Amino acid sequence: MEINQENKFKRNLKKFGAVGLGCALVVAFALILAFSISNNVNPVSTTPIEFGLPMNNAEVLKDYSDSRLQHVEGTRKYEIHLSMDFASEDKNVLAVCEGVVSNIDTNTLEGTTVTIEHADGFVSVYASLDENIHVKKGDTVRKGQKIGEASQSSGYESGMERDHLHFTLFKDGVEVDPNNYLDLQSK
C-alpha cells in the first residue's frame, strides 16, 4: 500500500511538477521584467517649482478668497474669488513658470484667456487679456516670458476701472491660492 502511494506521488510530481516549474519560471521572469522596467523610469524631480510674478510692479486689486464673499462688479453679486486680479502701469503679462500653452480662448465673461500647463500638475490661467496675444497654442514658454497685455476684456469684471489681469492657478485640477506659490512680498 505504501509503495502504491509513493508511486502515485511520483506520477503526480512528474505530471504536474513540470507545470508548476513552468509557472514559477513565468512568475520569476515577470518580476525580473517589472523590476528592470521600473529601474529605467526617469526619476521624479524633487526640485520645487519656483514661480515668478505674472506682472511687474503690480498691485493686487482683488485677492484670492475661498471663504470670504467679494463683490463682483460684472454680476453685481457677492461671490468667493478663486483668482487674483493684478494691475500695473506696465501692462505686460508674464508666464509665472515654464510650461506649454494648452489653450487660447476669447469669450464674453473672461475676455481673452491663455492657459499654460506646468510641471507637477500646475496650470496657470491668464484672463482679461488684450486680444493681441504673443504666444500660440502648443508653444513652450519660459518663466517671465511675455504672453500678452492686461486689458478690460473680461465682461465678468466689467466694473473695474483699470486694465487688469485675472490670474487663476490650479494644482491637479483644483483652484489653489496663488499667495501660497507666488512671491508676493511687495503686494
N, C-alpha and C. Protein backbone atom coordinates (compact mmCIF):
# COMPACT_ATOMS: atom_id res chain seq x y z
N MET A 1 0.80 -1.18 0.00
CA MET A 1 0.00 0.00 0.00
C MET A 1 0.86 1.27 0.00
N GLU A 2 1.92 1.30 0.82
CA GLU A 2 2.81 2.45 0.86
C GLU A 2 3.50 2.66 -0.48
N ILE A 3 3.89 1.61 -1.11
CA ILE A 3 4.57 1.71 -2.40
C ILE A 3 3.63 2.30 -3.43
N ASN A 4 2.37 1.93 -3.39
CA ASN A 4 1.39 2.44 -4.33
C ASN A 4 1.20 3.95 -4.16
N GLN A 5 1.15 4.41 -2.87
CA GLN A 5 1.01 5.84 -2.62
C GLN A 5 2.26 6.59 -3.07
N GLU A 6 3.44 5.97 -2.86
CA GLU A 6 4.69 6.60 -3.28
C GLU A 6 4.73 6.71 -4.79
N ASN A 7 4.31 5.67 -5.48
CA ASN A 7 4.27 5.71 -6.95
C ASN A 7 3.29 6.77 -7.45
N LYS A 8 2.14 6.90 -6.75
CA LYS A 8 1.15 7.91 -7.11
C LYS A 8 1.75 9.30 -6.96
N PHE A 9 2.48 9.51 -5.85
CA PHE A 9 3.14 10.80 -5.60
C PHE A 9 4.14 11.12 -6.70
N LYS A 10 4.96 10.14 -7.08
CA LYS A 10 5.96 10.34 -8.11
C LYS A 10 5.30 10.62 -9.46
N ARG A 11 4.20 9.90 -9.75
CA ARG A 11 3.50 10.13 -11.00
C ARG A 11 2.93 11.56 -11.05
N ASN A 12 2.31 11.98 -9.93
CA ASN A 12 1.76 13.34 -9.88
C ASN A 12 2.86 14.40 -9.97
N LEU A 13 3.98 14.11 -9.32
CA LEU A 13 5.11 15.05 -9.37
C LEU A 13 5.61 15.19 -10.81
N LYS A 14 5.73 14.05 -11.50
CA LYS A 14 6.17 14.10 -12.89
C LYS A 14 5.14 14.80 -13.77
N LYS A 15 3.86 14.49 -13.49
CA LYS A 15 2.79 15.01 -14.33
C LYS A 15 2.58 16.52 -14.12
N PHE A 16 2.51 16.94 -12.82
CA PHE A 16 2.21 18.34 -12.51
C PHE A 16 3.43 19.16 -12.12
N GLY A 17 4.53 18.54 -11.85
CA GLY A 17 5.74 19.25 -11.46
C GLY A 17 6.26 20.15 -12.56
N ALA A 18 6.18 19.65 -13.78
CA ALA A 18 6.65 20.45 -14.92
C ALA A 18 5.79 21.70 -15.09
N VAL A 19 4.47 21.56 -14.87
CA VAL A 19 3.57 22.70 -14.98
C VAL A 19 3.88 23.72 -13.89
N GLY A 20 4.07 23.24 -12.66
CA GLY A 20 4.40 24.12 -11.54
C GLY A 20 5.72 24.83 -11.75
N LEU A 21 6.70 24.08 -12.24
CA LEU A 21 8.01 24.68 -12.52
C LEU A 21 7.89 25.74 -13.62
N GLY A 22 7.08 25.45 -14.64
CA GLY A 22 6.86 26.41 -15.72
C GLY A 22 6.20 27.68 -15.21
N CYS A 23 5.19 27.51 -14.34
CA CYS A 23 4.51 28.68 -13.75
C CYS A 23 5.48 29.50 -12.92
N ALA A 24 6.30 28.84 -12.13
CA ALA A 24 7.28 29.54 -11.29
C ALA A 24 8.26 30.34 -12.15
N LEU A 25 8.69 29.75 -13.28
CA LEU A 25 9.61 30.46 -14.17
C LEU A 25 8.94 31.68 -14.82
N VAL A 26 7.67 31.54 -15.21
CA VAL A 26 6.94 32.67 -15.80
C VAL A 26 6.81 33.81 -14.78
N VAL A 27 6.46 33.48 -13.53
CA VAL A 27 6.34 34.50 -12.49
C VAL A 27 7.69 35.16 -12.23
N ALA A 28 8.75 34.37 -12.17
CA ALA A 28 10.09 34.92 -11.93
C ALA A 28 10.48 35.85 -13.07
N PHE A 29 10.22 35.44 -14.31
CA PHE A 29 10.54 36.27 -15.47
C PHE A 29 9.74 37.58 -15.44
N ALA A 30 8.45 37.49 -15.08
CA ALA A 30 7.61 38.69 -15.00
C ALA A 30 8.13 39.66 -13.94
N LEU A 31 8.54 39.15 -12.81
CA LEU A 31 9.09 40.00 -11.75
C LEU A 31 10.39 40.67 -12.19
N ILE A 32 11.25 39.91 -12.82
CA ILE A 32 12.52 40.48 -13.31
C ILE A 32 12.23 41.58 -14.33
N LEU A 33 11.30 41.32 -15.23
CA LEU A 33 10.94 42.31 -16.25
C LEU A 33 10.34 43.56 -15.59
N ALA A 34 9.47 43.38 -14.62
CA ALA A 34 8.85 44.53 -13.94
C ALA A 34 9.89 45.38 -13.22
N PHE A 35 10.82 44.74 -12.53
CA PHE A 35 11.85 45.50 -11.82
C PHE A 35 12.79 46.19 -12.79
N SER A 36 13.10 45.56 -13.91
CA SER A 36 14.02 46.21 -14.86
C SER A 36 13.35 47.40 -15.53
N ILE A 37 12.04 47.31 -15.79
CA ILE A 37 11.33 48.45 -16.38
C ILE A 37 11.25 49.59 -15.39
N SER A 38 10.92 49.30 -14.13
CA SER A 38 10.79 50.37 -13.14
C SER A 38 12.13 51.04 -12.87
N ASN A 39 13.23 50.34 -13.07
CA ASN A 39 14.54 50.96 -12.85
C ASN A 39 14.94 51.87 -14.02
N ASN A 40 14.29 51.70 -15.18
CA ASN A 40 14.61 52.53 -16.34
C ASN A 40 13.77 53.80 -16.41
N VAL A 41 12.82 53.97 -15.52
CA VAL A 41 11.97 55.15 -15.50
C VAL A 41 12.79 56.33 -15.00
N ASN A 42 12.61 57.47 -15.65
CA ASN A 42 13.33 58.67 -15.22
C ASN A 42 12.89 59.06 -13.82
N PRO A 43 13.82 59.41 -12.97
CA PRO A 43 13.45 59.79 -11.61
C PRO A 43 12.63 61.08 -11.60
N VAL A 44 11.74 61.20 -10.64
CA VAL A 44 10.93 62.39 -10.48
C VAL A 44 11.79 63.49 -9.88
N SER A 45 11.67 64.67 -10.42
CA SER A 45 12.43 65.80 -9.90
C SER A 45 11.94 66.16 -8.51
N THR A 46 12.87 66.37 -7.62
CA THR A 46 12.50 66.79 -6.27
C THR A 46 12.71 68.29 -6.08
N THR A 47 13.11 68.96 -7.15
CA THR A 47 13.30 70.40 -7.09
C THR A 47 11.93 71.07 -7.18
N PRO A 48 11.58 71.87 -6.18
CA PRO A 48 10.26 72.51 -6.22
C PRO A 48 10.20 73.55 -7.35
N ILE A 49 9.01 73.71 -7.88
CA ILE A 49 8.80 74.72 -8.92
C ILE A 49 8.89 76.09 -8.28
N GLU A 50 9.62 76.99 -8.93
CA GLU A 50 9.71 78.37 -8.45
C GLU A 50 8.92 79.25 -9.41
N PHE A 51 7.88 79.85 -8.90
CA PHE A 51 7.02 80.69 -9.71
C PHE A 51 7.51 82.13 -9.68
N GLY A 52 7.35 82.82 -10.81
CA GLY A 52 7.59 84.25 -10.88
C GLY A 52 6.26 84.96 -10.73
N LEU A 53 6.28 86.25 -10.94
CA LEU A 53 5.05 87.04 -10.86
C LEU A 53 4.46 87.22 -12.25
N PRO A 54 3.13 87.29 -12.36
CA PRO A 54 2.52 87.44 -13.67
C PRO A 54 2.60 88.85 -14.25
N MET A 55 2.95 89.83 -13.42
CA MET A 55 3.14 91.21 -13.88
C MET A 55 4.24 91.86 -13.03
N ASN A 56 4.96 92.77 -13.63
CA ASN A 56 5.98 93.52 -12.89
C ASN A 56 5.34 94.71 -12.17
N ASN A 57 5.80 94.98 -10.95
CA ASN A 57 5.35 96.13 -10.17
C ASN A 57 3.83 96.22 -10.07
N ALA A 58 3.20 95.08 -9.90
CA ALA A 58 1.73 95.03 -9.88
C ALA A 58 1.20 95.19 -8.47
N GLU A 59 0.01 95.72 -8.40
CA GLU A 59 -0.72 95.73 -7.14
C GLU A 59 -1.87 94.73 -7.27
N VAL A 60 -2.27 94.17 -6.14
CA VAL A 60 -3.38 93.23 -6.13
C VAL A 60 -4.66 94.05 -5.95
N LEU A 61 -5.51 94.02 -6.98
CA LEU A 61 -6.78 94.73 -6.90
C LEU A 61 -7.81 93.93 -6.11
N LYS A 62 -7.79 92.63 -6.32
CA LYS A 62 -8.71 91.75 -5.61
C LYS A 62 -7.97 90.45 -5.33
N ASP A 63 -7.91 90.08 -4.05
CA ASP A 63 -7.16 88.91 -3.64
C ASP A 63 -8.00 87.64 -3.74
N TYR A 64 -7.33 86.52 -3.67
CA TYR A 64 -7.96 85.20 -3.65
C TYR A 64 -8.72 85.03 -2.34
N SER A 65 -9.90 84.44 -2.42
CA SER A 65 -10.64 84.11 -1.20
C SER A 65 -11.58 82.95 -1.50
N ASP A 66 -11.41 81.86 -0.75
CA ASP A 66 -12.30 80.72 -0.91
C ASP A 66 -13.35 80.65 0.20
N SER A 67 -13.36 81.68 1.06
CA SER A 67 -14.32 81.66 2.17
C SER A 67 -15.03 83.00 2.37
N ARG A 68 -14.38 84.10 2.02
CA ARG A 68 -14.97 85.43 2.21
C ARG A 68 -15.58 85.91 0.90
N LEU A 69 -16.83 86.30 0.95
CA LEU A 69 -17.50 86.79 -0.25
C LEU A 69 -16.96 88.15 -0.65
N GLN A 70 -16.80 88.35 -1.97
CA GLN A 70 -16.34 89.61 -2.50
C GLN A 70 -17.31 90.07 -3.59
N HIS A 71 -17.45 91.36 -3.72
CA HIS A 71 -18.38 91.92 -4.71
C HIS A 71 -17.78 91.77 -6.11
N VAL A 72 -18.56 91.22 -7.03
CA VAL A 72 -18.15 91.09 -8.43
C VAL A 72 -18.92 92.13 -9.23
N GLU A 73 -18.18 93.10 -9.79
CA GLU A 73 -18.80 94.23 -10.46
C GLU A 73 -19.67 93.80 -11.63
N GLY A 74 -19.20 92.86 -12.43
CA GLY A 74 -19.92 92.46 -13.64
C GLY A 74 -21.26 91.80 -13.37
N THR A 75 -21.37 91.07 -12.28
CA THR A 75 -22.64 90.39 -11.97
C THR A 75 -23.43 91.08 -10.87
N ARG A 76 -22.80 92.05 -10.21
CA ARG A 76 -23.42 92.78 -9.08
C ARG A 76 -23.84 91.81 -7.96
N LYS A 77 -23.05 90.77 -7.78
CA LYS A 77 -23.31 89.78 -6.73
C LYS A 77 -22.06 89.64 -5.87
N TYR A 78 -22.25 89.01 -4.73
CA TYR A 78 -21.13 88.67 -3.87
C TYR A 78 -20.83 87.19 -4.05
N GLU A 79 -19.56 86.89 -4.34
CA GLU A 79 -19.13 85.52 -4.58
C GLU A 79 -17.74 85.32 -3.99
N ILE A 80 -17.37 84.04 -3.84
CA ILE A 80 -15.97 83.78 -3.50
C ILE A 80 -15.14 84.09 -4.74
N HIS A 81 -13.86 84.40 -4.55
CA HIS A 81 -12.99 84.81 -5.66
C HIS A 81 -11.79 83.89 -5.67
N LEU A 82 -11.83 82.87 -6.53
CA LEU A 82 -10.78 81.85 -6.57
C LEU A 82 -9.65 82.21 -7.53
N SER A 83 -9.41 83.50 -7.65
CA SER A 83 -8.36 84.04 -8.51
C SER A 83 -7.79 85.28 -7.85
N MET A 84 -6.83 85.90 -8.53
CA MET A 84 -6.29 87.18 -8.08
C MET A 84 -6.34 88.14 -9.26
N ASP A 85 -6.67 89.38 -8.97
CA ASP A 85 -6.67 90.42 -10.00
C ASP A 85 -5.48 91.34 -9.75
N PHE A 86 -4.65 91.49 -10.79
CA PHE A 86 -3.46 92.33 -10.72
C PHE A 86 -3.60 93.50 -11.69
N ALA A 87 -3.01 94.64 -11.33
CA ALA A 87 -2.93 95.78 -12.23
C ALA A 87 -1.56 96.43 -12.06
N SER A 88 -1.07 96.98 -13.16
CA SER A 88 0.24 97.63 -13.15
C SER A 88 0.29 98.65 -14.28
N GLU A 89 1.12 99.68 -14.11
CA GLU A 89 1.36 100.63 -15.20
C GLU A 89 1.97 99.89 -16.39
N ASP A 90 2.82 98.91 -16.10
CA ASP A 90 3.40 98.04 -17.12
C ASP A 90 2.39 96.92 -17.36
N LYS A 91 1.68 96.98 -18.46
CA LYS A 91 0.57 96.05 -18.71
C LYS A 91 1.00 94.67 -19.18
N ASN A 92 2.31 94.46 -19.35
CA ASN A 92 2.79 93.17 -19.82
C ASN A 92 2.42 92.06 -18.84
N VAL A 93 1.90 90.97 -19.39
CA VAL A 93 1.55 89.78 -18.60
C VAL A 93 2.59 88.72 -18.91
N LEU A 94 3.16 88.12 -17.86
CA LEU A 94 4.28 87.20 -17.99
C LEU A 94 3.92 85.80 -17.50
N ALA A 95 4.49 84.79 -18.14
CA ALA A 95 4.31 83.41 -17.68
C ALA A 95 4.96 83.27 -16.31
N VAL A 96 4.24 82.68 -15.36
CA VAL A 96 4.78 82.55 -14.00
C VAL A 96 5.77 81.41 -13.88
N CYS A 97 5.81 80.53 -14.87
CA CYS A 97 6.70 79.38 -14.82
C CYS A 97 6.79 78.78 -16.22
N GLU A 98 7.83 78.02 -16.46
CA GLU A 98 7.97 77.32 -17.73
C GLU A 98 6.80 76.38 -17.95
N GLY A 99 6.34 76.28 -19.18
CA GLY A 99 5.23 75.37 -19.46
C GLY A 99 4.87 75.40 -20.93
N VAL A 100 3.73 74.78 -21.24
CA VAL A 100 3.24 74.70 -22.61
C VAL A 100 1.86 75.34 -22.69
N VAL A 101 1.68 76.21 -23.67
CA VAL A 101 0.38 76.86 -23.87
C VAL A 101 -0.60 75.79 -24.35
N SER A 102 -1.61 75.52 -23.52
CA SER A 102 -2.57 74.47 -23.86
C SER A 102 -3.86 75.01 -24.45
N ASN A 103 -4.15 76.30 -24.25
CA ASN A 103 -5.39 76.85 -24.79
C ASN A 103 -5.31 78.37 -24.86
N ILE A 104 -5.92 78.91 -25.89
CA ILE A 104 -6.14 80.36 -26.03
C ILE A 104 -7.60 80.50 -26.43
N ASP A 105 -8.32 81.34 -25.70
CA ASP A 105 -9.76 81.45 -25.93
C ASP A 105 -10.20 82.89 -25.71
N THR A 106 -11.27 83.27 -26.36
CA THR A 106 -11.90 84.57 -26.11
C THR A 106 -13.38 84.33 -25.91
N ASN A 107 -13.90 84.82 -24.78
CA ASN A 107 -15.34 84.73 -24.53
C ASN A 107 -15.78 85.97 -23.78
N THR A 108 -17.07 86.17 -23.70
CA THR A 108 -17.64 87.37 -23.11
C THR A 108 -17.32 87.52 -21.64
N LEU A 109 -17.37 86.42 -20.89
CA LEU A 109 -17.17 86.51 -19.45
C LEU A 109 -15.73 86.78 -19.05
N GLU A 110 -14.79 86.01 -19.61
CA GLU A 110 -13.39 86.11 -19.18
C GLU A 110 -12.52 86.94 -20.10
N GLY A 111 -13.04 87.34 -21.24
CA GLY A 111 -12.23 88.06 -22.21
C GLY A 111 -11.28 87.10 -22.90
N THR A 112 -10.13 87.59 -23.29
CA THR A 112 -9.12 86.73 -23.92
C THR A 112 -8.33 86.04 -22.82
N THR A 113 -8.18 84.73 -22.97
CA THR A 113 -7.58 83.90 -21.94
C THR A 113 -6.48 83.02 -22.52
N VAL A 114 -5.37 82.91 -21.79
CA VAL A 114 -4.28 81.99 -22.14
C VAL A 114 -4.13 81.01 -20.98
N THR A 115 -4.06 79.71 -21.31
CA THR A 115 -3.87 78.67 -20.30
C THR A 115 -2.53 77.99 -20.56
N ILE A 116 -1.73 77.85 -19.50
CA ILE A 116 -0.41 77.23 -19.61
C ILE A 116 -0.33 76.06 -18.63
N GLU A 117 0.09 74.90 -19.14
CA GLU A 117 0.30 73.73 -18.29
C GLU A 117 1.76 73.67 -17.87
N HIS A 118 1.98 73.46 -16.57
CA HIS A 118 3.32 73.39 -15.99
C HIS A 118 3.57 72.00 -15.43
N ALA A 119 4.74 71.78 -14.91
CA ALA A 119 5.09 70.50 -14.28
C ALA A 119 4.31 70.32 -12.97
N ASP A 120 4.31 69.12 -12.47
CA ASP A 120 3.73 68.78 -11.16
C ASP A 120 2.24 69.07 -11.05
N GLY A 121 1.51 69.06 -12.16
CA GLY A 121 0.06 69.23 -12.12
C GLY A 121 -0.42 70.66 -11.98
N PHE A 122 0.47 71.64 -12.17
CA PHE A 122 0.06 73.05 -12.09
C PHE A 122 -0.40 73.55 -13.45
N VAL A 123 -1.43 74.39 -13.44
CA VAL A 123 -1.93 75.06 -14.63
C VAL A 123 -2.20 76.51 -14.24
N SER A 124 -1.71 77.44 -15.05
CA SER A 124 -1.98 78.86 -14.79
C SER A 124 -2.88 79.39 -15.91
N VAL A 125 -3.83 80.23 -15.51
CA VAL A 125 -4.79 80.80 -16.46
C VAL A 125 -4.73 82.32 -16.33
N TYR A 126 -4.54 82.99 -17.46
CA TYR A 126 -4.40 84.44 -17.53
C TYR A 126 -5.59 84.97 -18.31
N ALA A 127 -6.52 85.65 -17.65
CA ALA A 127 -7.74 86.13 -18.29
C ALA A 127 -7.78 87.66 -18.28
N SER A 128 -8.70 88.22 -19.05
CA SER A 128 -8.87 89.65 -19.24
C SER A 128 -7.67 90.25 -19.97
N LEU A 129 -7.14 89.48 -20.94
CA LEU A 129 -6.02 89.94 -21.74
C LEU A 129 -6.49 90.69 -22.97
N ASP A 130 -5.62 91.54 -23.47
CA ASP A 130 -5.84 92.19 -24.75
C ASP A 130 -5.83 91.10 -25.83
N GLU A 131 -6.54 91.30 -26.92
CA GLU A 131 -6.64 90.27 -27.96
C GLU A 131 -5.33 90.02 -28.69
N ASN A 132 -4.33 90.90 -28.56
CA ASN A 132 -3.03 90.73 -29.20
C ASN A 132 -2.15 89.83 -28.33
N ILE A 133 -2.28 88.52 -28.50
CA ILE A 133 -1.55 87.54 -27.70
C ILE A 133 -0.19 87.28 -28.34
N HIS A 134 0.85 87.10 -27.52
CA HIS A 134 2.22 86.92 -28.01
C HIS A 134 2.66 85.47 -28.09
N VAL A 135 1.75 84.53 -27.82
CA VAL A 135 2.06 83.10 -27.90
C VAL A 135 0.93 82.41 -28.68
N LYS A 136 1.17 81.16 -29.05
CA LYS A 136 0.11 80.38 -29.70
C LYS A 136 0.04 79.01 -29.04
N LYS A 137 -1.09 78.35 -29.24
CA LYS A 137 -1.31 77.04 -28.65
C LYS A 137 -0.18 76.10 -29.07
N GLY A 138 0.36 75.37 -28.09
CA GLY A 138 1.46 74.44 -28.34
C GLY A 138 2.83 75.02 -28.08
N ASP A 139 2.95 76.35 -27.94
CA ASP A 139 4.24 76.98 -27.66
C ASP A 139 4.75 76.59 -26.28
N THR A 140 6.05 76.38 -26.18
CA THR A 140 6.69 76.22 -24.88
C THR A 140 7.15 77.61 -24.45
N VAL A 141 6.76 78.01 -23.25
CA VAL A 141 7.13 79.33 -22.74
C VAL A 141 8.07 79.17 -21.55
N ARG A 142 8.86 80.18 -21.33
CA ARG A 142 9.78 80.17 -20.18
C ARG A 142 9.24 81.12 -19.11
N LYS A 143 9.68 80.95 -17.92
CA LYS A 143 9.30 81.82 -16.81
C LYS A 143 9.67 83.26 -17.14
N GLY A 144 8.72 84.19 -17.00
CA GLY A 144 8.97 85.60 -17.27
C GLY A 144 8.74 86.02 -18.70
N GLN A 145 8.40 85.07 -19.60
CA GLN A 145 8.16 85.41 -21.00
C GLN A 145 6.82 86.14 -21.14
N LYS A 146 6.81 87.19 -21.95
CA LYS A 146 5.58 87.94 -22.19
C LYS A 146 4.60 87.09 -22.99
N ILE A 147 3.37 86.99 -22.48
CA ILE A 147 2.34 86.24 -23.20
C ILE A 147 1.24 87.15 -23.74
N GLY A 148 1.14 88.35 -23.20
CA GLY A 148 0.12 89.30 -23.64
C GLY A 148 0.14 90.53 -22.78
N GLU A 149 -0.97 91.30 -22.84
CA GLU A 149 -1.10 92.52 -22.03
C GLU A 149 -2.45 92.53 -21.34
N ALA A 150 -2.47 93.10 -20.15
CA ALA A 150 -3.70 93.22 -19.38
C ALA A 150 -4.64 94.19 -20.08
N SER A 151 -5.95 93.95 -19.90
CA SER A 151 -6.95 94.83 -20.50
C SER A 151 -8.22 94.79 -19.66
N GLN A 152 -9.28 95.28 -20.22
CA GLN A 152 -10.60 95.22 -19.59
C GLN A 152 -11.52 94.34 -20.41
N SER A 153 -11.00 93.27 -21.00
CA SER A 153 -11.80 92.43 -21.89
C SER A 153 -12.74 91.48 -21.15
N SER A 154 -12.58 91.35 -19.84
CA SER A 154 -13.44 90.46 -19.07
C SER A 154 -14.79 91.11 -18.79
N GLY A 155 -15.85 90.54 -19.32
CA GLY A 155 -17.19 91.04 -19.04
C GLY A 155 -17.61 90.74 -17.61
N TYR A 156 -17.06 89.70 -17.05
CA TYR A 156 -17.37 89.28 -15.68
C TYR A 156 -16.96 90.36 -14.68
N GLU A 157 -15.86 91.03 -14.96
CA GLU A 157 -15.37 92.09 -14.07
C GLU A 157 -15.38 93.43 -14.79
N SER A 158 -16.46 93.68 -15.50
CA SER A 158 -16.53 94.87 -16.34
C SER A 158 -16.55 96.17 -15.55
N GLY A 159 -16.85 96.11 -14.26
CA GLY A 159 -16.91 97.34 -13.46
C GLY A 159 -15.55 97.83 -13.01
N MET A 160 -14.49 97.08 -13.24
CA MET A 160 -13.16 97.54 -12.84
C MET A 160 -12.75 98.68 -13.75
N GLU A 161 -12.20 99.71 -13.16
CA GLU A 161 -11.86 100.91 -13.91
C GLU A 161 -10.48 100.86 -14.54
N ARG A 162 -9.72 99.80 -14.28
CA ARG A 162 -8.35 99.72 -14.79
C ARG A 162 -8.17 98.44 -15.59
N ASP A 163 -7.23 98.50 -16.54
CA ASP A 163 -6.82 97.27 -17.20
C ASP A 163 -6.22 96.37 -16.12
N HIS A 164 -6.55 95.10 -16.17
CA HIS A 164 -6.06 94.20 -15.13
C HIS A 164 -5.92 92.78 -15.68
N LEU A 165 -5.22 91.97 -14.93
CA LEU A 165 -5.06 90.54 -15.20
C LEU A 165 -5.87 89.78 -14.18
N HIS A 166 -6.69 88.87 -14.64
CA HIS A 166 -7.43 87.96 -13.76
C HIS A 166 -6.65 86.64 -13.81
N PHE A 167 -5.93 86.32 -12.73
CA PHE A 167 -5.00 85.19 -12.70
C PHE A 167 -5.53 84.07 -11.81
N THR A 168 -5.57 82.85 -12.36
CA THR A 168 -6.01 81.68 -11.61
C THR A 168 -4.93 80.62 -11.69
N LEU A 169 -4.70 79.95 -10.57
CA LEU A 169 -3.71 78.87 -10.51
C LEU A 169 -4.39 77.59 -10.05
N PHE A 170 -4.16 76.52 -10.80
CA PHE A 170 -4.72 75.20 -10.48
C PHE A 170 -3.61 74.25 -10.12
N LYS A 171 -3.90 73.34 -9.20
CA LYS A 171 -3.00 72.23 -8.87
C LYS A 171 -3.84 70.97 -8.94
N ASP A 172 -3.49 70.08 -9.84
CA ASP A 172 -4.24 68.83 -10.04
C ASP A 172 -5.72 69.08 -10.27
N GLY A 173 -6.04 70.12 -11.05
CA GLY A 173 -7.41 70.40 -11.44
C GLY A 173 -8.24 71.20 -10.44
N VAL A 174 -7.63 71.63 -9.34
CA VAL A 174 -8.35 72.38 -8.31
C VAL A 174 -7.72 73.76 -8.16
N GLU A 175 -8.57 74.80 -8.09
CA GLU A 175 -8.05 76.16 -7.88
C GLU A 175 -7.34 76.22 -6.54
N VAL A 176 -6.15 76.80 -6.55
CA VAL A 176 -5.38 76.98 -5.31
C VAL A 176 -5.08 78.46 -5.13
N ASP A 177 -4.74 78.82 -3.92
CA ASP A 177 -4.43 80.20 -3.59
C ASP A 177 -3.05 80.57 -4.14
N PRO A 178 -2.97 81.48 -5.12
CA PRO A 178 -1.67 81.88 -5.67
C PRO A 178 -0.74 82.46 -4.60
N ASN A 179 -1.28 83.00 -3.51
CA ASN A 179 -0.44 83.54 -2.44
C ASN A 179 0.50 82.48 -1.88
N ASN A 180 0.12 81.22 -1.97
CA ASN A 180 0.94 80.13 -1.45
C ASN A 180 2.08 79.75 -2.39
N TYR A 181 2.09 80.27 -3.61
CA TYR A 181 3.08 79.87 -4.60
C TYR A 181 3.87 81.04 -5.19
N LEU A 182 3.23 82.19 -5.30
CA LEU A 182 3.91 83.35 -5.89
C LEU A 182 4.59 84.15 -4.80
N ASP A 183 5.72 84.75 -5.13
CA ASP A 183 6.41 85.61 -4.17
C ASP A 183 5.81 87.00 -4.25
N LEU A 184 4.83 87.23 -3.39
CA LEU A 184 4.08 88.50 -3.43
C LEU A 184 4.45 89.42 -2.27
N GLN A 185 5.70 89.41 -1.88
CA GLN A 185 6.12 90.21 -0.74
C GLN A 185 5.85 91.70 -0.94
N SER A 186 5.83 92.13 -2.18
CA SER A 186 5.66 93.56 -2.43
C SER A 186 4.23 93.93 -2.79
N LYS A 187 3.28 93.03 -2.58
CA LYS A 187 1.90 93.33 -2.99
C LYS A 187 1.21 94.32 -2.09
